[in-house]
Amino acid sequence: NDTLRAAIEGIDFFENRPNINTENSLLKV
């Protein structure tokens, strides 16, 4: 949830920074 970035930078990152351009990335998240 991107509203979390109002708290501190990077707090809305998932570990390993997944990207939708990698196949099956969304289901893994």
PDB file of all heavy atoms in Angstrom:
ATOM      1  N   ASN A   1       0.835  -1.203   0.000  1.00  0.00           N
ATOM      2  CA  ASN A   1       0.000   0.000   0.000  1.00  0.00           C
ATOM      3  C   ASN A   1       0.869   1.252   0.000  1.00  0.00           C
ATOM      4  O   ASN A   1       1.647   1.490   0.918  1.00  0.00           O
ATOM      5  CB  ASN A   1      -0.913  -0.016   1.235  1.00  0.00           C
ATOM      6  CG  ASN A   1      -1.990   1.038   1.178  1.00  0.00           C
ATOM      7  OD1 ASN A   1      -1.824   2.084   0.565  1.00  0.00           O
ATOM      8  ND2 ASN A   1      -3.108   0.777   1.824  1.00  0.00           N
ATOM      9  N   ASP A   2       0.737   2.077  -1.025  1.00  0.00           N
ATOM     10  CA  ASP A   2       1.674   3.179  -1.200  1.00  0.00           C
ATOM     11  C   ASP A   2       1.472   4.319  -0.216  1.00  0.00           C
ATOM     12  O   ASP A   2       2.358   5.166  -0.060  1.00  0.00           O
ATOM     13  CB  ASP A   2       1.631   3.710  -2.634  1.00  0.00           C
ATOM     14  CG  ASP A   2       0.317   4.394  -2.970  1.00  0.00           C
ATOM     15  OD1 ASP A   2      -0.720   3.987  -2.416  1.00  0.00           O
ATOM     16  OD2 ASP A   2       0.322   5.321  -3.783  1.00  0.00           O
ATOM     17  N   THR A   3       0.332   4.375   0.490  1.00  0.00           N
ATOM     18  CA  THR A   3       0.165   5.425   1.489  1.00  0.00           C
ATOM     19  C   THR A   3       1.158   5.246   2.642  1.00  0.00           C
ATOM     20  O   THR A   3       1.444   6.208   3.367  1.00  0.00           O
ATOM     21  CB  THR A   3      -1.268   5.450   2.055  1.00  0.00           C
ATOM     22  OG1 THR A   3      -1.572   4.185   2.651  1.00  0.00           O
ATOM     23  CG2 THR A   3      -2.273   5.760   0.953  1.00  0.00           C
ATOM     24  N   LEU A   4       1.715   4.049   2.792  1.00  0.00           N
ATOM     25  CA  LEU A   4       2.693   3.812   3.852  1.00  0.00           C
ATOM     26  C   LEU A   4       3.940   4.670   3.671  1.00  0.00           C
ATOM     27  O   LEU A   4       4.652   4.956   4.638  1.00  0.00           O
ATOM     28  CB  LEU A   4       3.088   2.335   3.887  1.00  0.00           C
ATOM     29  CG  LEU A   4       1.979   1.344   4.246  1.00  0.00           C
ATOM     30  CD1 LEU A   4       2.503  -0.078   4.155  1.00  0.00           C
ATOM     31  CD2 LEU A   4       1.432   1.624   5.639  1.00  0.00           C
ATOM     32  N   ARG A   5       4.209   5.093   2.445  1.00  0.00           N
ATOM     33  CA  ARG A   5       5.419   5.883   2.205  1.00  0.00           C
ATOM     34  C   ARG A   5       5.345   7.254   2.854  1.00  0.00           C
ATOM     35  O   ARG A   5       6.352   7.962   2.918  1.00  0.00           O
ATOM     36  CB  ARG A   5       5.698   6.001   0.707  1.00  0.00           C
ATOM     37  CG  ARG A   5       4.682   6.790  -0.080  1.00  0.00           C
ATOM     38  CD  ARG A   5       4.968   6.793  -1.576  1.00  0.00           C
ATOM     39  NE  ARG A   5       4.835   5.475  -2.157  1.00  0.00           N
ATOM     40  CZ  ARG A   5       4.948   5.235  -3.460  1.00  0.00           C
ATOM     41  NH1 ARG A   5       5.201   6.208  -4.302  1.00  0.00           N
ATOM     42  NH2 ARG A   5       4.816   4.003  -3.926  1.00  0.00           N
ATOM     43  N   ALA A   6       4.168   7.622   3.360  1.00  0.00           N
ATOM     44  CA  ALA A   6       4.060   8.860   4.127  1.00  0.00           C
ATOM     45  C   ALA A   6       4.785   8.738   5.466  1.00  0.00           C
ATOM     46  O   ALA A   6       5.077   9.739   6.116  1.00  0.00           O
ATOM     47  CB  ALA A   6       2.596   9.218   4.376  1.00  0.00           C
ATOM     48  N   ALA A   7       5.078   7.477   5.874  1.00  0.00           N
ATOM     49  CA  ALA A   7       5.767   7.250   7.141  1.00  0.00           C
ATOM     50  C   ALA A   7       7.277   7.362   6.978  1.00  0.00           C
ATOM     51  O   ALA A   7       7.937   8.166   7.638  1.00  0.00           O
ATOM     52  CB  ALA A   7       5.398   5.883   7.705  1.00  0.00           C
ATOM     53  N   ILE A   8       7.833   6.547   6.083  1.00  0.00           N
ATOM     54  CA  ILE A   8       9.280   6.517   5.918  1.00  0.00           C
ATOM     55  C   ILE A   8       9.604   5.892   4.566  1.00  0.00           C
ATOM     56  O   ILE A   8       8.904   4.984   4.099  1.00  0.00           O
ATOM     57  CB  ILE A   8       9.947   5.730   7.074  1.00  0.00           C
ATOM     58  CG1 ILE A   8      11.471   5.848   7.022  1.00  0.00           C
ATOM     59  CG2 ILE A   8       9.493   4.289   7.088  1.00  0.00           C
ATOM     60  CD1 ILE A   8      12.154   5.275   8.250  1.00  0.00           C
ATOM     61  N   GLU A   9      10.635   6.368   3.920  1.00  0.00           N
ATOM     62  CA  GLU A   9      10.994   5.867   2.593  1.00  0.00           C
ATOM     63  C   GLU A   9      11.357   4.386   2.643  1.00  0.00           C
ATOM     64  O   GLU A   9      12.078   3.934   3.523  1.00  0.00           O
ATOM     65  CB  GLU A   9      12.166   6.654   2.019  1.00  0.00           C
ATOM     66  CG  GLU A   9      12.544   6.220   0.608  1.00  0.00           C
ATOM     67  CD  GLU A   9      13.514   7.167  -0.072  1.00  0.00           C
ATOM     68  OE1 GLU A   9      13.253   8.392  -0.054  1.00  0.00           O
ATOM     69  OE2 GLU A   9      14.511   6.677  -0.617  1.00  0.00           O
ATOM     70  N   GLY A  10      10.807   3.643   1.679  1.00  0.00           N
ATOM     71  CA  GLY A  10      11.138   2.235   1.527  1.00  0.00           C
ATOM     72  C   GLY A  10      10.252   1.289   2.303  1.00  0.00           C
ATOM     73  O   GLY A  10      10.353   0.067   2.127  1.00  0.00           O
ATOM     74  N   ILE A  11       9.364   1.814   3.128  1.00  0.00           N
ATOM     75  CA  ILE A  11       8.554   0.935   3.962  1.00  0.00           C
ATOM     76  C   ILE A  11       7.507   0.175   3.151  1.00  0.00           C
ATOM     77  O   ILE A  11       6.957  -0.822   3.605  1.00  0.00           O
ATOM     78  CB  ILE A  11       7.894   1.733   5.109  1.00  0.00           C
ATOM     79  CG1 ILE A  11       7.538   0.798   6.267  1.00  0.00           C
ATOM     80  CG2 ILE A  11       6.681   2.512   4.618  1.00  0.00           C
ATOM     81  CD1 ILE A  11       7.228   1.513   7.552  1.00  0.00           C
ATOM     82  N   ASP A  12       7.239   0.637   1.933  1.00  0.00           N
ATOM     83  CA  ASP A  12       6.277  -0.053   1.080  1.00  0.00           C
ATOM     84  C   ASP A  12       6.949  -1.037   0.120  1.00  0.00           C
ATOM     85  O   ASP A  12       6.283  -1.610  -0.742  1.00  0.00           O
ATOM     86  CB  ASP A  12       5.434   0.954   0.296  1.00  0.00           C
ATOM     87  CG  ASP A  12       6.260   1.878  -0.581  1.00  0.00           C
ATOM     88  OD1 ASP A  12       7.413   2.158  -0.223  1.00  0.00           O
ATOM     89  OD2 ASP A  12       5.751   2.325  -1.628  1.00  0.00           O
ATOM     90  N   PHE A  13       8.261  -1.256   0.252  1.00  0.00           N
ATOM     91  CA  PHE A  13       8.959  -2.211  -0.613  1.00  0.00           C
ATOM     92  C   PHE A  13       8.697  -3.643  -0.136  1.00  0.00           C
ATOM     93  O   PHE A  13       8.705  -3.913   1.066  1.00  0.00           O
ATOM     94  CB  PHE A  13      10.477  -1.996  -0.570  1.00  0.00           C
ATOM     95  CG  PHE A  13      10.959  -0.695  -1.130  1.00  0.00           C
ATOM     96  CD1 PHE A  13      12.280  -0.314  -0.955  1.00  0.00           C
ATOM     97  CD2 PHE A  13      10.116   0.157  -1.820  1.00  0.00           C
ATOM     98  CE1 PHE A  13      12.749   0.885  -1.456  1.00  0.00           C
ATOM     99  CE2 PHE A  13      10.569   1.356  -2.329  1.00  0.00           C
ATOM    100  CZ  PHE A  13      11.891   1.725  -2.144  1.00  0.00           C
ATOM    101  N   PHE A  14       8.510  -4.543  -1.083  1.00  0.00           N
ATOM    102  CA  PHE A  14       8.574  -5.969  -0.779  1.00  0.00           C
ATOM    103  C   PHE A  14      10.034  -6.409  -0.816  1.00  0.00           C
ATOM    104  O   PHE A  14      10.859  -5.824  -1.525  1.00  0.00           O
ATOM    105  CB  PHE A  14       7.772  -6.790  -1.797  1.00  0.00           C
ATOM    106  CG  PHE A  14       6.286  -6.788  -1.560  1.00  0.00           C
ATOM    107  CD1 PHE A  14       5.441  -6.036  -2.362  1.00  0.00           C
ATOM    108  CD2 PHE A  14       5.737  -7.546  -0.537  1.00  0.00           C
ATOM    109  CE1 PHE A  14       4.069  -6.035  -2.148  1.00  0.00           C
ATOM    110  CE2 PHE A  14       4.368  -7.553  -0.312  1.00  0.00           C
ATOM    111  CZ  PHE A  14       3.533  -6.794  -1.116  1.00  0.00           C
ATOM    112  N   GLU A  15      10.327  -7.443  -0.063  1.00  0.00           N
ATOM    113  CA  GLU A  15      11.681  -7.998  -0.083  1.00  0.00           C
ATOM    114  C   GLU A  15      12.040  -8.419  -1.503  1.00  0.00           C
ATOM    115  O   GLU A  15      11.222  -8.984  -2.229  1.00  0.00           O
ATOM    116  CB  GLU A  15      11.751  -9.203   0.857  1.00  0.00           C
ATOM    117  CG  GLU A  15      13.143  -9.774   1.037  1.00  0.00           C
ATOM    118  CD  GLU A  15      13.170 -10.947   2.003  1.00  0.00           C
ATOM    119  OE1 GLU A  15      12.105 -11.303   2.529  1.00  0.00           O
ATOM    120  OE2 GLU A  15      14.264 -11.489   2.213  1.00  0.00           O
ATOM    121  N   ASN A  16      13.246  -8.110  -1.924  1.00  0.00           N
ATOM    122  CA  ASN A  16      13.769  -8.448  -3.261  1.00  0.00           C
ATOM    123  C   ASN A  16      13.125  -7.637  -4.388  1.00  0.00           C
ATOM    124  O   ASN A  16      13.396  -7.905  -5.565  1.00  0.00           O
ATOM    125  CB  ASN A  16      13.638  -9.949  -3.560  1.00  0.00           C
ATOM    126  CG  ASN A  16      14.408 -10.798  -2.562  1.00  0.00           C
ATOM    127  OD1 ASN A  16      15.492 -10.414  -2.131  1.00  0.00           O
ATOM    128  ND2 ASN A  16      13.842 -11.941  -2.181  1.00  0.00           N
ATOM    129  N   ARG A  17      12.257  -6.661  -4.038  1.00  0.00           N
ATOM    130  CA  ARG A  17      11.714  -5.708  -5.017  1.00  0.00           C
ATOM    131  C   ARG A  17      11.151  -6.394  -6.264  1.00  0.00           C
ATOM    132  O   ARG A  17      11.638  -6.211  -7.380  1.00  0.00           O
ATOM    133  CB  ARG A  17      12.788  -4.690  -5.408  1.00  0.00           C
ATOM    134  CG  ARG A  17      13.502  -4.014  -4.235  1.00  0.00           C
ATOM    135  CD  ARG A  17      12.656  -2.971  -3.568  1.00  0.00           C
ATOM    136  NE  ARG A  17      12.401  -1.844  -4.438  1.00  0.00           N
ATOM    137  CZ  ARG A  17      13.205  -0.777  -4.561  1.00  0.00           C
ATOM    138  NH1 ARG A  17      14.333  -0.725  -3.853  1.00  0.00           N
ATOM    139  NH2 ARG A  17      12.889   0.223  -5.356  1.00  0.00           N
ATOM    140  N   PRO A  18      10.115  -7.236  -6.135  1.00  0.00           N
ATOM    141  CA  PRO A  18       9.562  -7.962  -7.287  1.00  0.00           C
ATOM    142  C   PRO A  18       9.025  -7.015  -8.350  1.00  0.00           C
ATOM    143  O   PRO A  18       8.568  -5.906  -8.057  1.00  0.00           O
ATOM    144  CB  PRO A  18       8.439  -8.796  -6.675  1.00  0.00           C
ATOM    145  CG  PRO A  18       8.049  -8.053  -5.432  1.00  0.00           C
ATOM    146  CD  PRO A  18       9.329  -7.465  -4.913  1.00  0.00           C
ATOM    147  N   ASN A  19       9.042  -7.475  -9.612  1.00  0.00           N
ATOM    148  CA  ASN A  19       8.594  -6.662 -10.732  1.00  0.00           C
ATOM    149  C   ASN A  19       7.624  -7.461 -11.595  1.00  0.00           C
ATOM    150  O   ASN A  19       7.843  -8.647 -11.863  1.00  0.00           O
ATOM    151  CB  ASN A  19       9.798  -6.211 -11.574  1.00  0.00           C
ATOM    152  CG  ASN A  19       9.438  -5.098 -12.540  1.00  0.00           C
ATOM    153  OD1 ASN A  19       8.711  -5.310 -13.511  1.00  0.00           O
ATOM    154  ND2 ASN A  19       9.969  -3.903 -12.285  1.00  0.00           N
ATOM    155  N   ILE A  20       6.563  -6.801 -12.032  1.00  0.00           N
ATOM    156  CA  ILE A  20       5.501  -7.449 -12.791  1.00  0.00           C
ATOM    157  C   ILE A  20       6.000  -7.986 -14.125  1.00  0.00           C
ATOM    158  O   ILE A  20       5.390  -8.887 -14.716  1.00  0.00           O
ATOM    159  CB  ILE A  20       4.321  -6.474 -13.018  1.00  0.00           C
ATOM    160  CG1 ILE A  20       3.011  -7.224 -13.299  1.00  0.00           C
ATOM    161  CG2 ILE A  20       4.632  -5.485 -14.139  1.00  0.00           C
ATOM    162  CD1 ILE A  20       2.375  -7.796 -12.080  1.00  0.00           C
ATOM    163  N   ASN A  21       7.130  -7.482 -14.606  1.00  0.00           N
ATOM    164  CA  ASN A  21       7.670  -7.948 -15.882  1.00  0.00           C
ATOM    165  C   ASN A  21       8.312  -9.339 -15.776  1.00  0.00           C
ATOM    166  O   ASN A  21       8.685  -9.913 -16.798  1.00  0.00           O
ATOM    167  CB  ASN A  21       8.682  -6.939 -16.424  1.00  0.00           C
ATOM    168  CG  ASN A  21       8.005  -5.671 -16.929  1.00  0.00           C
ATOM    169  OD1 ASN A  21       7.185  -5.714 -17.848  1.00  0.00           O
ATOM    170  ND2 ASN A  21       8.321  -4.529 -16.329  1.00  0.00           N
ATOM    171  N   THR A  22       8.429  -9.847 -14.562  1.00  0.00           N
ATOM    172  CA  THR A  22       8.894 -11.218 -14.355  1.00  0.00           C
ATOM    173  C   THR A  22       7.684 -12.140 -14.280  1.00  0.00           C
ATOM    174  O   THR A  22       6.755 -11.898 -13.506  1.00  0.00           O
ATOM    175  CB  THR A  22       9.702 -11.329 -13.051  1.00  0.00           C
ATOM    176  OG1 THR A  22      10.825 -10.447 -13.117  1.00  0.00           O
ATOM    177  CG2 THR A  22      10.180 -12.749 -12.827  1.00  0.00           C
ATOM    178  N   GLU A  23       7.675 -13.183 -15.076  1.00  0.00           N
ATOM    179  CA  GLU A  23       6.521 -14.065 -15.158  1.00  0.00           C
ATOM    180  C   GLU A  23       6.198 -14.684 -13.803  1.00  0.00           C
ATOM    181  O   GLU A  23       7.085 -15.090 -13.062  1.00  0.00           O
ATOM    182  CB  GLU A  23       6.767 -15.161 -16.197  1.00  0.00           C
ATOM    183  CG  GLU A  23       5.514 -15.946 -16.547  1.00  0.00           C
ATOM    184  CD  GLU A  23       5.694 -16.791 -17.796  1.00  0.00           C
ATOM    185  OE1 GLU A  23       6.746 -16.675 -18.451  1.00  0.00           O
ATOM    186  OE2 GLU A  23       4.774 -17.569 -18.115  1.00  0.00           O
ATOM    187  N   ASN A  24       4.921 -14.730 -13.488  1.00  0.00           N
ATOM    188  CA  ASN A  24       4.388 -15.307 -12.257  1.00  0.00           C
ATOM    189  C   ASN A  24       4.741 -14.490 -11.012  1.00  0.00           C
ATOM    190  O   ASN A  24       4.580 -14.963  -9.885  1.00  0.00           O
ATOM    191  CB  ASN A  24       4.862 -16.752 -12.061  1.00  0.00           C
ATOM    192  CG  ASN A  24       3.865 -17.580 -11.264  1.00  0.00           C
ATOM    193  OD1 ASN A  24       2.645 -17.411 -11.391  1.00  0.00           O
ATOM    194  ND2 ASN A  24       4.372 -18.462 -10.420  1.00  0.00           N
ATOM    195  N   SER A  25       5.194 -13.273 -11.190  1.00  0.00           N
ATOM    196  CA  SER A  25       5.626 -12.448 -10.055  1.00  0.00           C
ATOM    197  C   SER A  25       4.470 -12.058  -9.142  1.00  0.00           C
ATOM    198  O   SER A  25       4.614 -12.038  -7.911  1.00  0.00           O
ATOM    199  CB  SER A  25       6.332 -11.188 -10.559  1.00  0.00           C
ATOM    200  OG  SER A  25       5.500 -10.479 -11.476  1.00  0.00           O
ATOM    201  N   LEU A  26       3.306 -11.745  -9.712  1.00  0.00           N
ATOM    202  CA  LEU A  26       2.181 -11.290  -8.907  1.00  0.00           C
ATOM    203  C   LEU A  26       1.673 -12.405  -7.999  1.00  0.00           C
ATOM    204  O   LEU A  26       1.430 -12.188  -6.805  1.00  0.00           O
ATOM    205  CB  LEU A  26       1.060 -10.776  -9.809  1.00  0.00           C
ATOM    206  CG  LEU A  26      -0.163 -10.182  -9.101  1.00  0.00           C
ATOM    207  CD1 LEU A  26       0.241  -9.045  -8.164  1.00  0.00           C
ATOM    208  CD2 LEU A  26      -1.184  -9.684 -10.114  1.00  0.00           C
ATOM    209  N   LEU A  27       1.515 -13.602  -8.535  1.00  0.00           N
ATOM    210  CA  LEU A  27       1.039 -14.718  -7.718  1.00  0.00           C
ATOM    211  C   LEU A  27       2.038 -15.064  -6.621  1.00  0.00           C
ATOM    212  O   LEU A  27       1.648 -15.437  -5.513  1.00  0.00           O
ATOM    213  CB  LEU A  27       0.774 -15.947  -8.590  1.00  0.00           C
ATOM    214  CG  LEU A  27      -0.400 -15.842  -9.582  1.00  0.00           C
ATOM    215  CD1 LEU A  27      -0.608 -17.163 -10.296  1.00  0.00           C
ATOM    216  CD2 LEU A  27      -1.677 -15.407  -8.874  1.00  0.00           C
ATOM    217  N   LYS A  28       3.319 -14.934  -6.905  1.00  0.00           N
ATOM    218  CA  LYS A  28       4.333 -15.201  -5.878  1.00  0.00           C
ATOM    219  C   LYS A  28       4.217 -14.209  -4.734  1.00  0.00           C
ATOM    220  O   LYS A  28       4.330 -14.583  -3.560  1.00  0.00           O
ATOM    221  CB  LYS A  28       5.729 -15.152  -6.496  1.00  0.00           C
ATOM    222  CG  LYS A  28       6.064 -16.359  -7.359  1.00  0.00           C
ATOM    223  CD  LYS A  28       7.476 -16.256  -7.920  1.00  0.00           C
ATOM    224  CE  LYS A  28       7.817 -17.478  -8.765  1.00  0.00           C
ATOM    225  NZ  LYS A  28       9.180 -17.366  -9.353  1.00  0.00           N
ATOM    226  N   VAL A  29       3.990 -12.931  -5.076  1.00  0.00           N
ATOM    227  CA  VAL A  29       3.821 -11.914  -4.031  1.00  0.00           C
ATOM    228  C   VAL A  29       2.587 -12.217  -3.196  1.00  0.00           C
ATOM    229  O   VAL A  29       2.621 -12.180  -1.955  1.00  0.00           O
ATOM    230  CB  VAL A  29       3.725 -10.506  -4.650  1.00  0.00           C
ATOM    231  CG1 VAL A  29       3.239  -9.490  -3.608  1.00  0.00           C
ATOM    232  CG2 VAL A  29       5.062 -10.069  -5.213  1.00  0.00           C
TER     233      VAL A  29
END
